[in-house]
Amino acid sequence: MAQTTFSGPVASQNGFIGGTATDPIVVTTSGNISQSYATTSATSGDTRLSYNKLTFTAAGSGETLRAFSVVNTGTAAVGGTVNGAHISLEVDTGGAVSGAGNAIRATLGGTLAAQTGTLSVIQADTNFGAGVTVPASASYVRVTDSGATTGAITNLFNLPSAMVVARTASASSHTIKIIVGSTPYYLMVSSAQ
């Protein structure tokens, strides 16, 4: 793969493009198409390897970051994994986190006094074509216990106490289906407290 090196500041008023939808970068061996490696010895403040901010000033819509992986030829990831995005936080021997350490932190906020629309911190979505069937193990959220030490985390959620309300209804009215291993279980829920 060809390597491009910039020895000084590089500016573009229209952003940078690597390939297009009709003329993509063609890669025939595995490797990182775009990569950045850095270390920091800063003793305070935040260091970010990549910082992107998109401000909407009109009626348009979009995302600051859109990651889109497509499998369209053959069976990918035989014995492996294909991800739209894989984000990790690792604390190794010699390191420590005394505050919060999150592999993903999603924040919803703003200063508009009367918020509108359908707001959520995380939206789990599907986009299957017509007539598609999915395996029985498919789910909106999957939790795995990987690594050499399993069972280290035993809590599924850590919720603020205001979200837990004492039940006053005498019976559950509905269930939410979950799968543990390959066995279906049902969380009891009610339409009233």
Protein backbone atom coordinates (compact mmCIF):
# COMPACT_ATOMS: atom_id res chain seq x y z
CA MET A 1 0.00 0.00 0.00
CA ALA A 2 1.35 3.44 -0.87
CA GLN A 3 2.25 5.72 2.02
CA THR A 4 1.73 9.47 2.07
CA THR A 5 3.76 11.57 4.49
CA PHE A 6 3.12 15.22 5.33
CA SER A 7 6.04 17.05 6.88
CA GLY A 8 4.16 20.17 7.89
CA PRO A 9 0.68 21.63 8.31
CA VAL A 10 -1.85 20.48 5.72
CA ALA A 11 -5.05 22.46 5.18
CA SER A 12 -8.13 21.87 3.09
CA GLN A 13 -11.25 24.02 2.92
CA ASN A 14 -13.31 21.07 1.66
CA GLY A 15 -12.04 18.18 3.79
CA PHE A 16 -10.03 15.17 2.67
CA ILE A 17 -11.35 12.32 0.55
CA GLY A 18 -9.87 8.84 0.33
CA GLY A 19 -11.61 7.15 -2.56
CA THR A 20 -15.22 7.65 -3.62
CA ALA A 21 -18.35 5.48 -3.82
CA THR A 22 -17.63 4.77 -7.50
CA ASP A 23 -13.83 4.71 -7.23
CA PRO A 24 -12.92 3.31 -3.78
CA ILE A 25 -9.44 2.65 -2.48
CA VAL A 26 -8.71 -0.96 -3.49
CA VAL A 27 -6.97 -3.15 -0.92
CA THR A 28 -6.03 -6.77 -1.61
CA THR A 29 -4.22 -7.64 1.64
CA SER A 30 -5.28 -7.17 5.25
CA GLY A 31 -4.08 -4.12 7.12
CA ASN A 32 -5.13 -0.68 8.30
CA ILE A 33 -6.18 1.60 5.45
CA SER A 34 -5.98 4.70 7.63
CA GLN A 35 -4.08 4.65 10.88
CA SER A 36 -2.79 6.97 13.57
CA TYR A 37 -0.60 5.96 16.50
CA ALA A 38 0.37 8.32 19.31
CA THR A 39 1.45 8.43 22.92
CA THR A 40 0.95 11.23 25.40
CA SER A 41 2.85 12.16 28.55
CA ALA A 42 0.50 14.99 29.48
CA THR A 43 0.00 15.15 33.25
CA SER A 44 -3.37 16.90 33.12
CA GLY A 45 -6.11 17.78 30.68
CA ASP A 46 -7.70 15.68 27.93
CA THR A 47 -5.76 14.29 24.97
CA ARG A 48 -7.74 13.07 21.95
CA LEU A 49 -6.28 11.18 19.01
CA SER A 50 -9.15 12.31 16.81
CA TYR A 51 -11.53 15.18 17.49
CA ASN A 52 -14.43 15.82 15.15
CA LYS A 53 -17.14 18.44 15.62
CA LEU A 54 -19.94 19.11 13.17
CA THR A 55 -22.29 22.05 13.86
CA PHE A 56 -25.63 22.13 12.05
CA THR A 57 -26.57 25.72 11.15
CA ALA A 58 -29.54 24.99 8.87
CA ALA A 59 -32.24 22.34 8.37
CA GLY A 60 -29.87 19.58 7.27
CA SER A 61 -29.23 16.34 9.12
CA GLY A 62 -26.43 13.77 9.36
CA GLU A 63 -23.73 12.47 11.71
CA THR A 64 -20.35 13.54 12.96
CA LEU A 65 -19.15 9.98 12.50
CA ARG A 66 -20.68 7.28 10.28
CA ALA A 67 -19.06 3.85 10.30
CA PHE A 68 -20.47 1.45 7.71
CA SER A 69 -19.11 -2.04 7.07
CA VAL A 70 -20.59 -4.10 4.21
CA VAL A 71 -20.27 -7.82 3.48
CA ASN A 72 -21.36 -8.46 -0.11
CA THR A 73 -19.18 -11.25 -1.51
CA GLY A 74 -18.74 -14.66 0.05
CA THR A 75 -18.81 -15.50 3.74
CA ALA A 76 -16.73 -13.02 5.70
CA ALA A 77 -15.11 -13.60 9.05
CA VAL A 78 -14.95 -17.39 8.98
CA GLY A 79 -13.85 -17.99 12.57
CA GLY A 80 -13.59 -14.23 13.04
CA THR A 81 -15.80 -11.18 13.47
CA VAL A 82 -17.06 -8.30 11.32
CA ASN A 83 -18.04 -5.12 13.18
CA GLY A 84 -19.47 -1.81 12.11
CA ALA A 85 -17.37 -0.32 14.89
CA HIS A 86 -15.21 -1.78 17.64
CA ILE A 87 -14.29 0.56 20.48
CA SER A 88 -12.14 -0.56 23.40
CA LEU A 89 -10.70 0.80 26.62
CA GLU A 90 -7.84 -1.23 28.08
CA VAL A 91 -6.18 -0.72 31.45
CA ASP A 92 -2.90 -2.67 31.49
CA THR A 93 -0.50 -3.62 34.26
CA GLY A 94 1.17 -0.46 35.53
CA GLY A 95 -1.82 1.70 34.63
CA ALA A 96 -4.90 2.64 36.64
CA VAL A 97 -8.10 4.62 36.29
CA SER A 98 -9.24 6.38 39.45
CA GLY A 99 -12.28 8.02 37.87
CA ALA A 100 -14.68 6.60 35.30
CA GLY A 101 -13.37 4.26 32.61
CA ASN A 102 -15.79 3.62 29.74
CA ALA A 103 -15.30 1.72 26.50
CA ILE A 104 -18.20 3.76 25.10
CA ARG A 105 -19.66 6.91 26.59
CA ALA A 106 -22.76 8.26 24.90
CA THR A 107 -24.07 11.62 26.12
CA LEU A 108 -27.34 13.32 25.25
CA GLY A 109 -27.70 16.93 26.35
CA GLY A 110 -28.19 20.53 25.34
CA THR A 111 -29.36 23.89 26.62
CA LEU A 112 -32.69 24.17 24.77
CA ALA A 113 -35.30 24.57 27.53
CA ALA A 114 -38.14 22.77 25.72
CA GLN A 115 -36.63 19.74 24.00
CA THR A 116 -38.68 18.13 21.22
CA GLY A 117 -38.48 15.05 19.06
CA THR A 118 -37.83 11.47 20.12
CA LEU A 119 -34.64 11.61 22.17
CA SER A 120 -32.53 8.72 23.43
CA VAL A 121 -28.97 8.22 24.57
CA ILE A 122 -28.65 4.98 22.58
CA GLN A 123 -30.84 3.74 19.74
CA ALA A 124 -30.47 0.10 18.73
CA ASP A 125 -31.81 -0.20 15.19
CA THR A 126 -32.29 -2.81 12.47
CA ASN A 127 -32.35 -2.37 8.70
CA PHE A 128 -33.14 -5.74 7.08
CA GLY A 129 -34.52 -6.04 3.59
CA ALA A 130 -37.93 -7.55 2.82
CA GLY A 131 -38.14 -11.30 3.29
CA VAL A 132 -34.97 -11.58 5.38
CA THR A 133 -34.97 -14.11 8.21
CA VAL A 134 -32.57 -13.87 11.10
CA PRO A 135 -31.34 -16.63 13.44
CA ALA A 136 -33.19 -17.21 16.71
CA SER A 137 -30.11 -15.97 18.57
CA ALA A 138 -30.40 -12.47 17.02
CA SER A 139 -30.99 -9.69 19.56
CA TYR A 140 -30.84 -5.92 19.89
CA VAL A 141 -28.13 -6.11 22.54
CA ARG A 142 -25.68 -8.93 23.15
CA VAL A 143 -23.44 -9.24 26.18
CA THR A 144 -20.36 -11.48 26.00
CA ASP A 145 -17.87 -12.42 28.68
CA SER A 146 -14.57 -12.58 26.79
CA GLY A 147 -10.99 -12.85 27.93
CA ALA A 148 -9.17 -15.14 30.30
CA THR A 149 -11.10 -13.96 33.38
CA THR A 150 -14.82 -14.57 32.97
CA GLY A 151 -17.48 -13.65 35.49
CA ALA A 152 -15.59 -10.57 36.67
CA ILE A 153 -18.59 -8.32 36.00
CA THR A 154 -21.81 -9.70 37.44
CA ASN A 155 -24.11 -6.66 37.03
CA LEU A 156 -26.02 -6.24 33.80
CA PHE A 157 -26.91 -2.60 34.60
CA ASN A 158 -25.83 0.09 37.04
CA LEU A 159 -28.85 2.39 37.30
CA PRO A 160 -29.53 5.56 39.28
CA SER A 161 -31.90 4.87 42.19
CA ALA A 162 -34.55 7.23 40.73
CA MET A 163 -35.09 4.72 37.92
CA VAL A 164 -36.08 1.96 40.33
CA VAL A 165 -39.61 2.41 41.66
CA ALA A 166 -41.40 0.15 44.11
CA ARG A 167 -44.06 -2.03 42.49
CA THR A 168 -47.66 -1.45 43.52
CA ALA A 169 -49.43 -3.49 40.84
CA SER A 170 -50.27 -7.02 41.93
CA ALA A 171 -49.32 -8.77 38.68
CA SER A 172 -47.10 -8.31 35.68
CA SER A 173 -48.97 -7.55 32.49
CA HIS A 174 -46.27 -8.14 29.86
CA THR A 175 -42.89 -9.78 29.32
CA ILE A 176 -39.70 -8.88 27.51
CA LYS A 177 -37.95 -11.84 25.91
CA ILE A 178 -34.23 -12.34 26.45
CA ILE A 179 -31.95 -15.26 25.60
CA VAL A 180 -29.39 -16.64 28.04
CA GLY A 181 -27.07 -18.93 26.07
CA SER A 182 -29.68 -20.52 23.82
CA THR A 183 -32.50 -20.59 26.39
CA PRO A 184 -35.27 -17.97 26.20
CA TYR A 185 -36.25 -16.22 29.44
CA TYR A 186 -38.83 -13.53 30.09
CA LEU A 187 -38.48 -10.39 32.17
CA MET A 188 -41.78 -9.53 33.81
CA VAL A 189 -43.00 -5.99 33.22
CA SER A 190 -46.20 -4.15 33.99
CA SER A 191 -48.05 -1.27 32.38
CA ALA A 192 -48.67 0.16 35.85
CA GLN A 193 -46.56 0.62 38.98
